[in-house]
Amino acid sequence: MSNTKEYVRNRADSKITKIVVDRDLCIGAASCIAVSGTTYELDNENKAVVTGADSVDDATLIMSAESCPTRAILLFDKEGKQVFPK
């Protein structure tokens, strides 16, 4: 992961505490936005950025990461273990 952006998640009911977007893998497909428009948006480089890390529950966050065709969204738990992709 060379060109990544990390976003801390502070939602009390969440097991996921960090969202990472690999900007080298992101192709701007916007499927993550289609699933969770309150979490992501595309920046001026047409890359996904997190704008609302705490806006959705874990299930929706995982679905949004799963929707990415290039697996550019990685999710981690509080121990630092990668939750998605496995």
C-alpha atoms as a PDB file:
ATOM      1  CA  MET A   1       0.000   0.000   0.000  1.00  0.00           C
ATOM      2  CA  SER A   2       1.964   2.963  -1.203  1.00  0.00           C
ATOM      3  CA  ASN A   3      -0.592   5.705  -1.769  1.00  0.00           C
ATOM      4  CA  THR A   4      -3.183   5.225   0.945  1.00  0.00           C
ATOM      5  CA  LYS A   5      -5.389   7.424   3.088  1.00  0.00           C
ATOM      6  CA  GLU A   6      -6.451   6.259   6.528  1.00  0.00           C
ATOM      7  CA  TYR A   7      -9.616   7.304   8.316  1.00  0.00           C
ATOM      8  CA  VAL A   8     -10.332   6.625  11.988  1.00  0.00           C
ATOM      9  CA  ARG A   9     -13.764   5.349  12.900  1.00  0.00           C
ATOM     10  CA  ASN A  10     -15.064   6.245  16.379  1.00  0.00           C
ATOM     11  CA  ARG A  11     -18.548   4.769  16.269  1.00  0.00           C
ATOM     12  CA  ALA A  12     -19.271   3.159  19.669  1.00  0.00           C
ATOM     13  CA  ASP A  13     -21.193   0.174  18.288  1.00  0.00           C
ATOM     14  CA  SER A  14     -18.581  -0.640  15.634  1.00  0.00           C
ATOM     15  CA  LYS A  15     -15.949  -3.363  15.547  1.00  0.00           C
ATOM     16  CA  ILE A  16     -14.330  -1.569  12.596  1.00  0.00           C
ATOM     17  CA  THR A  17     -12.048   1.240  13.767  1.00  0.00           C
ATOM     18  CA  LYS A  18     -10.139   2.167  10.615  1.00  0.00           C
ATOM     19  CA  ILE A  19     -10.983   2.587   6.934  1.00  0.00           C
ATOM     20  CA  VAL A  20      -8.121   2.688   4.430  1.00  0.00           C
ATOM     21  CA  VAL A  21      -8.512   3.759   0.805  1.00  0.00           C
ATOM     22  CA  ASP A  22      -5.739   2.656  -1.545  1.00  0.00           C
ATOM     23  CA  ARG A  23      -5.664   5.541  -3.994  1.00  0.00           C
ATOM     24  CA  ASP A  24      -3.507   3.580  -6.450  1.00  0.00           C
ATOM     25  CA  LEU A  25      -6.210   0.926  -6.747  1.00  0.00           C
ATOM     26  CA  CYS A  26      -9.227   3.261  -6.772  1.00  0.00           C
ATOM     27  CA  ILE A  27     -10.618   3.785 -10.280  1.00  0.00           C
ATOM     28  CA  GLY A  28     -13.478   6.093  -9.324  1.00  0.00           C
ATOM     29  CA  ALA A  29     -16.197   3.539 -10.070  1.00  0.00           C
ATOM     30  CA  ALA A  30     -18.281   5.106  -7.260  1.00  0.00           C
ATOM     31  CA  SER A  31     -19.869   1.806  -6.281  1.00  0.00           C
ATOM     32  CA  CYS A  32     -18.946   2.579  -2.668  1.00  0.00           C
ATOM     33  CA  ILE A  33     -20.947   5.795  -2.946  1.00  0.00           C
ATOM     34  CA  ALA A  34     -23.909   3.933  -4.406  1.00  0.00           C
ATOM     35  CA  VAL A  35     -23.958   1.715  -1.313  1.00  0.00           C
ATOM     36  CA  SER A  36     -23.042   4.360   1.252  1.00  0.00           C
ATOM     37  CA  GLY A  37     -23.208   7.919  -0.021  1.00  0.00           C
ATOM     38  CA  THR A  38     -22.920   9.277   3.518  1.00  0.00           C
ATOM     39  CA  THR A  39     -19.502   7.642   3.943  1.00  0.00           C
ATOM     40  CA  TYR A  40     -17.696   8.404   0.682  1.00  0.00           C
ATOM     41  CA  GLU A  41     -17.384  10.946  -2.098  1.00  0.00           C
ATOM     42  CA  LEU A  42     -15.059  11.357  -5.059  1.00  0.00           C
ATOM     43  CA  ASP A  43     -12.386  14.030  -4.839  1.00  0.00           C
ATOM     44  CA  ASN A  44     -11.012  16.218  -7.636  1.00  0.00           C
ATOM     45  CA  GLU A  45      -8.827  13.297  -8.811  1.00  0.00           C
ATOM     46  CA  ASN A  46     -11.923  11.055  -9.089  1.00  0.00           C
ATOM     47  CA  LYS A  47     -10.729   8.950  -6.152  1.00  0.00           C
ATOM     48  CA  ALA A  48     -12.835   7.853  -3.189  1.00  0.00           C
ATOM     49  CA  VAL A  49     -12.360   9.713   0.074  1.00  0.00           C
ATOM     50  CA  VAL A  50     -14.102   9.101   3.365  1.00  0.00           C
ATOM     51  CA  THR A  51     -16.291  11.991   4.485  1.00  0.00           C
ATOM     52  CA  GLY A  52     -18.392  10.224   7.105  1.00  0.00           C
ATOM     53  CA  ALA A  53     -16.500   7.370   8.742  1.00  0.00           C
ATOM     54  CA  ASP A  54     -19.114   6.967  11.465  1.00  0.00           C
ATOM     55  CA  SER A  55     -22.219   7.516   9.329  1.00  0.00           C
ATOM     56  CA  VAL A  56     -23.241   3.868   8.805  1.00  0.00           C
ATOM     57  CA  ASP A  57     -23.258   0.555  10.661  1.00  0.00           C
ATOM     58  CA  ASP A  58     -20.611  -2.128  10.141  1.00  0.00           C
ATOM     59  CA  ALA A  59     -22.762  -4.198   7.782  1.00  0.00           C
ATOM     60  CA  THR A  60     -23.274  -1.265   5.413  1.00  0.00           C
ATOM     61  CA  LEU A  61     -19.607  -0.313   5.611  1.00  0.00           C
ATOM     62  CA  ILE A  62     -18.585  -3.862   4.703  1.00  0.00           C
ATOM     63  CA  MET A  63     -21.078  -3.917   1.803  1.00  0.00           C
ATOM     64  CA  SER A  64     -19.614  -0.664   0.485  1.00  0.00           C
ATOM     65  CA  ALA A  65     -16.081  -2.090   0.623  1.00  0.00           C
ATOM     66  CA  GLU A  66     -17.259  -5.323  -1.040  1.00  0.00           C
ATOM     67  CA  SER A  67     -18.799  -3.304  -3.861  1.00  0.00           C
ATOM     68  CA  CYS A  68     -15.422  -1.880  -4.906  1.00  0.00           C
ATOM     69  CA  PRO A  69     -14.330  -3.654  -8.110  1.00  0.00           C
ATOM     70  CA  THR A  70     -10.622  -3.197  -7.331  1.00  0.00           C
ATOM     71  CA  ARG A  71     -10.735  -3.879  -3.559  1.00  0.00           C
ATOM     72  CA  ALA A  72      -9.377  -0.393  -2.878  1.00  0.00           C
ATOM     73  CA  ILE A  73     -11.218  -0.116   0.459  1.00  0.00           C
ATOM     74  CA  LEU A  74      -9.708  -1.962   3.408  1.00  0.00           C
ATOM     75  CA  LEU A  75     -11.312  -2.254   6.837  1.00  0.00           C
ATOM     76  CA  PHE A  76      -9.519  -2.927  10.141  1.00  0.00           C
ATOM     77  CA  ASP A  77     -10.631  -3.769  13.672  1.00  0.00           C
ATOM     78  CA  LYS A  78      -9.309  -2.272  16.917  1.00  0.00           C
ATOM     79  CA  GLU A  79      -6.502  -4.865  17.123  1.00  0.00           C
ATOM     80  CA  GLY A  80      -5.290  -3.783  13.689  1.00  0.00           C
ATOM     81  CA  LYS A  81      -6.486  -6.998  12.051  1.00  0.00           C
ATOM     82  CA  GLN A  82      -7.744  -6.594   8.505  1.00  0.00           C
ATOM     83  CA  VAL A  83     -11.480  -7.359   8.439  1.00  0.00           C
ATOM     84  CA  PHE A  84     -11.919  -6.804   4.703  1.00  0.00           C
ATOM     85  CA  PRO A  85     -10.733  -7.999   2.277  1.00  0.00           C
ATOM     86  CA  LYS A  86      -9.737 -11.224   4.002  1.00  0.00           C
END
